[in-house]
Amino acid sequence: MDIHESINYLEFPAKDLEATKTFFTAVFSWSFIDYGPEYIGFTDKTLEGGFYKSDLVSDSSKGAALVVFYSEQLEKTQTKVIAHGGTISTKIFSFPGGKRFHFLDVNGNEFSVWTKE
C-alpha cells in the first residue's frame, strides 16, 4: 500500500535473522522473504519492513521510536510473546483509554502491545 507521505516501511536491527523470523511468525503471523544473508523483509496485515544483521538494538530509552502493536486479547498476546522467547520489560499497566505492556524480542529490540479498556 503506497500512500503519499505516509509511513511505508520500517527497519530494525537483528542479531539472529532466523530466530527473528521464527518469533514474529509465531507471535504476530508475519510473512518473511530472504534478501541475502544479512537482510530479511517482512509483511504483516498493514505494514512492510525488514530486519538487517546487526548487534545494535532498538530501545526507546536510548531515543529509538517505540513500535506499538494493538491486541484485542492483551494477556493472550503477552503469553505468546513469552512462549516464543520474548522478554517482558514492562508488565501490563493501565493508562487513560487502555492498558499495555512492553517486551524485548529475541534480538533485544523493544516493542509494546496495547488494548482498549
N, C-alpha and C. Protein backbone atom coordinates (compact mmCIF):
# COMPACT_ATOMS: atom_id res chain seq x y z
N MET A 1 0.85 -1.16 0.00
CA MET A 1 0.00 0.00 0.00
C MET A 1 0.90 1.23 0.00
N ASP A 2 0.92 1.95 -1.08
CA ASP A 2 1.74 3.15 -1.21
C ASP A 2 0.85 4.38 -1.14
N ILE A 3 0.81 5.02 0.01
CA ILE A 3 0.01 6.22 0.21
C ILE A 3 0.96 7.39 0.37
N HIS A 4 0.76 8.42 -0.43
CA HIS A 4 1.63 9.59 -0.46
C HIS A 4 1.89 10.12 0.95
N GLU A 5 3.17 10.28 1.27
CA GLU A 5 3.68 10.87 2.51
C GLU A 5 3.20 10.17 3.78
N SER A 6 3.01 8.86 3.70
CA SER A 6 2.68 8.07 4.89
C SER A 6 3.86 7.17 5.22
N ILE A 7 3.91 6.70 6.45
CA ILE A 7 4.95 5.73 6.82
C ILE A 7 4.71 4.48 5.99
N ASN A 8 5.75 4.03 5.32
CA ASN A 8 5.60 2.97 4.34
C ASN A 8 6.38 1.71 4.69
N TYR A 9 7.46 1.84 5.47
CA TYR A 9 8.35 0.71 5.70
C TYR A 9 9.14 0.97 6.97
N LEU A 10 9.36 -0.04 7.77
CA LEU A 10 10.17 0.07 9.00
C LEU A 10 11.32 -0.92 8.92
N GLU A 11 12.48 -0.53 9.45
CA GLU A 11 13.62 -1.44 9.51
C GLU A 11 14.15 -1.52 10.94
N PHE A 12 14.55 -2.73 11.33
CA PHE A 12 15.05 -2.99 12.67
C PHE A 12 16.35 -3.77 12.61
N PRO A 13 17.21 -3.60 13.61
CA PRO A 13 18.41 -4.43 13.70
C PRO A 13 18.04 -5.82 14.20
N ALA A 14 18.87 -6.81 13.86
CA ALA A 14 18.63 -8.18 14.33
C ALA A 14 19.96 -8.92 14.41
N LYS A 15 20.23 -9.49 15.57
CA LYS A 15 21.43 -10.30 15.75
C LYS A 15 21.27 -11.66 15.08
N ASP A 16 20.04 -12.21 15.10
CA ASP A 16 19.76 -13.55 14.61
C ASP A 16 18.54 -13.51 13.71
N LEU A 17 18.75 -13.53 12.41
CA LEU A 17 17.65 -13.41 11.47
C LEU A 17 16.70 -14.60 11.50
N GLU A 18 17.23 -15.80 11.66
CA GLU A 18 16.36 -17.00 11.72
C GLU A 18 15.46 -16.97 12.95
N ALA A 19 16.04 -16.61 14.10
CA ALA A 19 15.24 -16.50 15.33
C ALA A 19 14.19 -15.41 15.20
N THR A 20 14.53 -14.34 14.50
CA THR A 20 13.59 -13.24 14.26
C THR A 20 12.39 -13.73 13.46
N LYS A 21 12.66 -14.46 12.39
CA LYS A 21 11.56 -15.00 11.57
C LYS A 21 10.67 -15.93 12.39
N THR A 22 11.28 -16.80 13.16
CA THR A 22 10.51 -17.75 13.97
C THR A 22 9.63 -17.02 14.97
N PHE A 23 10.19 -16.04 15.69
CA PHE A 23 9.46 -15.30 16.72
C PHE A 23 8.28 -14.54 16.12
N PHE A 24 8.52 -13.70 15.13
CA PHE A 24 7.45 -12.84 14.61
C PHE A 24 6.41 -13.61 13.80
N THR A 25 6.79 -14.73 13.22
CA THR A 25 5.81 -15.59 12.55
C THR A 25 4.89 -16.22 13.58
N ALA A 26 5.46 -16.74 14.67
CA ALA A 26 4.67 -17.42 15.70
C ALA A 26 3.78 -16.46 16.49
N VAL A 27 4.30 -15.29 16.82
CA VAL A 27 3.54 -14.37 17.68
C VAL A 27 2.57 -13.50 16.89
N PHE A 28 3.01 -12.94 15.76
CA PHE A 28 2.20 -11.97 15.04
C PHE A 28 1.80 -12.39 13.62
N SER A 29 2.13 -13.63 13.23
CA SER A 29 1.77 -14.18 11.91
C SER A 29 2.37 -13.39 10.74
N TRP A 30 3.57 -12.86 10.92
CA TRP A 30 4.24 -12.14 9.83
C TRP A 30 4.76 -13.13 8.80
N SER A 31 4.86 -12.68 7.56
CA SER A 31 5.47 -13.43 6.48
C SER A 31 6.84 -12.81 6.19
N PHE A 32 7.80 -13.64 5.79
CA PHE A 32 9.17 -13.16 5.54
C PHE A 32 9.66 -13.58 4.18
N ILE A 33 10.58 -12.80 3.65
CA ILE A 33 11.31 -13.14 2.44
C ILE A 33 12.78 -12.81 2.68
N ASP A 34 13.64 -13.72 2.30
CA ASP A 34 15.08 -13.52 2.47
C ASP A 34 15.64 -12.70 1.31
N TYR A 35 16.47 -11.71 1.66
CA TYR A 35 17.17 -10.90 0.67
C TYR A 35 18.67 -11.02 0.91
N GLY A 36 19.18 -12.22 0.88
CA GLY A 36 20.59 -12.46 1.14
C GLY A 36 20.83 -12.79 2.61
N PRO A 37 22.09 -12.99 2.99
CA PRO A 37 22.42 -13.46 4.34
C PRO A 37 22.30 -12.39 5.43
N GLU A 38 22.13 -11.12 5.05
CA GLU A 38 22.12 -10.07 6.08
C GLU A 38 20.86 -9.22 6.09
N TYR A 39 19.80 -9.67 5.40
CA TYR A 39 18.57 -8.87 5.38
C TYR A 39 17.37 -9.77 5.10
N ILE A 40 16.28 -9.54 5.87
CA ILE A 40 15.01 -10.20 5.63
C ILE A 40 13.92 -9.13 5.61
N GLY A 41 12.97 -9.30 4.71
CA GLY A 41 11.82 -8.41 4.66
C GLY A 41 10.63 -9.09 5.30
N PHE A 42 9.72 -8.29 5.88
CA PHE A 42 8.51 -8.85 6.46
C PHE A 42 7.28 -8.13 5.94
N THR A 43 6.16 -8.84 6.02
CA THR A 43 4.86 -8.28 5.73
C THR A 43 3.92 -8.71 6.84
N ASP A 44 3.19 -7.76 7.39
CA ASP A 44 2.12 -8.11 8.32
C ASP A 44 0.81 -7.68 7.65
N LYS A 45 -0.24 -7.54 8.41
CA LYS A 45 -1.54 -7.22 7.82
C LYS A 45 -1.60 -5.79 7.27
N THR A 46 -0.79 -4.89 7.81
CA THR A 46 -0.92 -3.48 7.44
C THR A 46 0.39 -2.78 7.07
N LEU A 47 1.51 -3.45 7.20
CA LEU A 47 2.79 -2.77 7.05
C LEU A 47 3.86 -3.72 6.53
N GLU A 48 4.86 -3.16 5.89
CA GLU A 48 6.02 -3.93 5.47
C GLU A 48 7.26 -3.35 6.11
N GLY A 49 8.29 -4.17 6.20
CA GLY A 49 9.54 -3.70 6.78
C GLY A 49 10.62 -4.75 6.62
N GLY A 50 11.69 -4.58 7.38
CA GLY A 50 12.78 -5.51 7.29
C GLY A 50 13.64 -5.52 8.54
N PHE A 51 14.49 -6.53 8.61
CA PHE A 51 15.49 -6.66 9.67
C PHE A 51 16.85 -6.81 9.00
N TYR A 52 17.82 -6.03 9.45
CA TYR A 52 19.17 -6.10 8.93
C TYR A 52 20.09 -6.66 10.00
N LYS A 53 21.07 -7.44 9.59
CA LYS A 53 22.01 -8.08 10.51
C LYS A 53 22.81 -7.01 11.24
N SER A 54 22.74 -7.02 12.58
CA SER A 54 23.42 -6.01 13.39
C SER A 54 23.42 -6.43 14.85
N ASP A 55 24.43 -6.02 15.58
CA ASP A 55 24.47 -6.23 17.03
C ASP A 55 23.77 -5.11 17.79
N LEU A 56 23.29 -4.08 17.09
CA LEU A 56 22.57 -2.98 17.72
C LEU A 56 21.16 -3.42 18.09
N VAL A 57 20.48 -2.65 18.96
CA VAL A 57 19.09 -2.91 19.29
C VAL A 57 18.31 -1.60 19.27
N SER A 58 17.02 -1.70 19.05
CA SER A 58 16.12 -0.55 19.09
C SER A 58 15.53 -0.47 20.49
N ASP A 59 15.81 0.65 21.19
CA ASP A 59 15.44 0.81 22.60
C ASP A 59 14.97 2.24 22.80
N SER A 60 13.71 2.42 23.19
CA SER A 60 13.15 3.77 23.33
C SER A 60 13.84 4.58 24.42
N SER A 61 14.41 3.92 25.42
CA SER A 61 15.11 4.67 26.47
C SER A 61 16.40 5.31 25.95
N LYS A 62 16.82 4.87 24.76
CA LYS A 62 18.02 5.45 24.14
C LYS A 62 17.64 6.31 22.93
N GLY A 63 16.36 6.65 22.82
CA GLY A 63 15.93 7.55 21.77
C GLY A 63 15.29 6.92 20.55
N ALA A 64 15.21 5.60 20.50
CA ALA A 64 14.58 4.95 19.35
C ALA A 64 13.07 5.11 19.42
N ALA A 65 12.43 5.10 18.27
CA ALA A 65 10.96 5.12 18.22
C ALA A 65 10.43 3.81 18.80
N LEU A 66 9.29 3.87 19.45
CA LEU A 66 8.66 2.67 20.01
C LEU A 66 7.53 2.24 19.09
N VAL A 67 7.61 1.03 18.56
CA VAL A 67 6.55 0.47 17.73
C VAL A 67 5.56 -0.21 18.67
N VAL A 68 4.27 0.14 18.51
CA VAL A 68 3.23 -0.35 19.41
C VAL A 68 2.21 -1.15 18.59
N PHE A 69 2.03 -2.42 18.95
CA PHE A 69 1.03 -3.28 18.34
C PHE A 69 -0.30 -3.09 19.06
N TYR A 70 -1.41 -3.42 18.40
CA TYR A 70 -2.72 -3.45 19.04
C TYR A 70 -3.15 -4.91 19.17
N SER A 71 -3.78 -5.25 20.29
CA SER A 71 -4.30 -6.59 20.51
C SER A 71 -5.68 -6.51 21.14
N GLU A 72 -6.60 -7.34 20.68
CA GLU A 72 -7.91 -7.45 21.32
C GLU A 72 -7.85 -8.36 22.54
N GLN A 73 -6.75 -9.13 22.69
CA GLN A 73 -6.58 -10.05 23.81
C GLN A 73 -5.17 -9.87 24.36
N LEU A 74 -4.98 -8.82 25.14
CA LEU A 74 -3.65 -8.41 25.59
C LEU A 74 -2.91 -9.52 26.33
N GLU A 75 -3.57 -10.16 27.28
CA GLU A 75 -2.92 -11.21 28.07
C GLU A 75 -2.52 -12.39 27.19
N LYS A 76 -3.36 -12.75 26.22
CA LYS A 76 -3.04 -13.85 25.31
C LYS A 76 -1.82 -13.50 24.46
N THR A 77 -1.76 -12.26 23.98
CA THR A 77 -0.60 -11.83 23.21
C THR A 77 0.65 -11.86 24.06
N GLN A 78 0.55 -11.41 25.31
CA GLN A 78 1.70 -11.44 26.22
C GLN A 78 2.18 -12.88 26.42
N THR A 79 1.27 -13.80 26.59
CA THR A 79 1.63 -15.22 26.76
C THR A 79 2.37 -15.74 25.53
N LYS A 80 1.91 -15.37 24.33
CA LYS A 80 2.59 -15.79 23.10
C LYS A 80 4.00 -15.21 23.02
N VAL A 81 4.15 -13.94 23.39
CA VAL A 81 5.48 -13.30 23.37
C VAL A 81 6.44 -14.10 24.24
N ILE A 82 6.03 -14.42 25.45
CA ILE A 82 6.89 -15.15 26.39
C ILE A 82 7.17 -16.57 25.87
N ALA A 83 6.13 -17.24 25.38
CA ALA A 83 6.28 -18.63 24.92
C ALA A 83 7.25 -18.77 23.76
N HIS A 84 7.44 -17.70 23.00
CA HIS A 84 8.30 -17.78 21.83
C HIS A 84 9.63 -17.04 22.00
N GLY A 85 10.01 -16.79 23.25
CA GLY A 85 11.35 -16.28 23.52
C GLY A 85 11.46 -14.79 23.77
N GLY A 86 10.35 -14.07 23.75
CA GLY A 86 10.39 -12.65 24.09
C GLY A 86 10.49 -12.46 25.60
N THR A 87 10.91 -11.26 26.01
CA THR A 87 11.05 -10.94 27.43
C THR A 87 10.17 -9.74 27.75
N ILE A 88 9.37 -9.85 28.79
CA ILE A 88 8.53 -8.72 29.20
C ILE A 88 9.43 -7.73 29.93
N SER A 89 9.52 -6.52 29.41
CA SER A 89 10.37 -5.49 30.03
C SER A 89 9.56 -4.54 30.91
N THR A 90 8.27 -4.39 30.61
CA THR A 90 7.35 -3.61 31.45
C THR A 90 6.05 -4.38 31.51
N LYS A 91 5.64 -4.78 32.72
CA LYS A 91 4.41 -5.54 32.91
C LYS A 91 3.20 -4.71 32.49
N ILE A 92 2.07 -5.38 32.31
CA ILE A 92 0.84 -4.70 31.91
C ILE A 92 0.51 -3.59 32.90
N PHE A 93 0.23 -2.41 32.34
CA PHE A 93 -0.17 -1.26 33.16
C PHE A 93 -1.28 -0.51 32.45
N SER A 94 -2.08 0.21 33.23
CA SER A 94 -3.18 0.99 32.68
C SER A 94 -2.74 2.41 32.39
N PHE A 95 -3.37 3.00 31.39
CA PHE A 95 -3.21 4.41 31.08
C PHE A 95 -4.58 4.89 30.60
N PRO A 96 -4.83 6.20 30.52
CA PRO A 96 -6.15 6.66 30.10
C PRO A 96 -6.54 6.09 28.73
N GLY A 97 -7.60 5.28 28.72
CA GLY A 97 -8.09 4.70 27.48
C GLY A 97 -7.65 3.28 27.20
N GLY A 98 -6.75 2.73 28.01
CA GLY A 98 -6.32 1.38 27.73
C GLY A 98 -5.30 0.84 28.69
N LYS A 99 -4.63 -0.22 28.27
CA LYS A 99 -3.53 -0.78 29.04
C LYS A 99 -2.55 -1.40 28.05
N ARG A 100 -1.31 -1.59 28.50
CA ARG A 100 -0.29 -2.13 27.60
C ARG A 100 0.86 -2.74 28.38
N PHE A 101 1.72 -3.44 27.63
CA PHE A 101 2.97 -3.95 28.17
C PHE A 101 4.06 -3.70 27.14
N HIS A 102 5.31 -3.74 27.58
CA HIS A 102 6.46 -3.62 26.69
C HIS A 102 7.22 -4.94 26.72
N PHE A 103 7.84 -5.29 25.59
CA PHE A 103 8.64 -6.51 25.54
C PHE A 103 9.86 -6.31 24.67
N LEU A 104 10.83 -7.19 24.88
CA LEU A 104 12.02 -7.26 24.04
C LEU A 104 11.89 -8.51 23.18
N ASP A 105 12.12 -8.36 21.87
CA ASP A 105 12.08 -9.53 21.00
C ASP A 105 13.33 -10.37 21.21
N VAL A 106 13.50 -11.39 20.41
CA VAL A 106 14.64 -12.31 20.58
C VAL A 106 15.99 -11.65 20.31
N ASN A 107 15.98 -10.45 19.73
CA ASN A 107 17.21 -9.70 19.47
C ASN A 107 17.48 -8.64 20.52
N GLY A 108 16.50 -8.35 21.38
CA GLY A 108 16.61 -7.28 22.36
C GLY A 108 15.97 -5.99 21.93
N ASN A 109 15.27 -5.97 20.78
CA ASN A 109 14.54 -4.78 20.34
C ASN A 109 13.29 -4.60 21.18
N GLU A 110 12.99 -3.36 21.56
CA GLU A 110 11.82 -3.07 22.38
C GLU A 110 10.59 -2.80 21.51
N PHE A 111 9.47 -3.40 21.90
CA PHE A 111 8.17 -3.17 21.29
C PHE A 111 7.14 -3.06 22.41
N SER A 112 5.92 -2.66 22.07
CA SER A 112 4.84 -2.60 23.04
C SER A 112 3.57 -3.13 22.40
N VAL A 113 2.64 -3.57 23.26
CA VAL A 113 1.33 -4.02 22.80
C VAL A 113 0.29 -3.36 23.69
N TRP A 114 -0.78 -2.82 23.09
CA TRP A 114 -1.81 -2.16 23.88
C TRP A 114 -3.19 -2.70 23.50
N THR A 115 -4.16 -2.42 24.38
CA THR A 115 -5.56 -2.73 24.12
C THR A 115 -6.42 -1.65 24.75
N LYS A 116 -7.64 -1.55 24.28
CA LYS A 116 -8.59 -0.61 24.86
C LYS A 116 -9.15 -1.22 26.14
N GLU A 117 -9.55 -0.36 27.07
CA GLU A 117 -10.17 -0.88 28.30
C GLU A 117 -11.66 -0.95 28.16
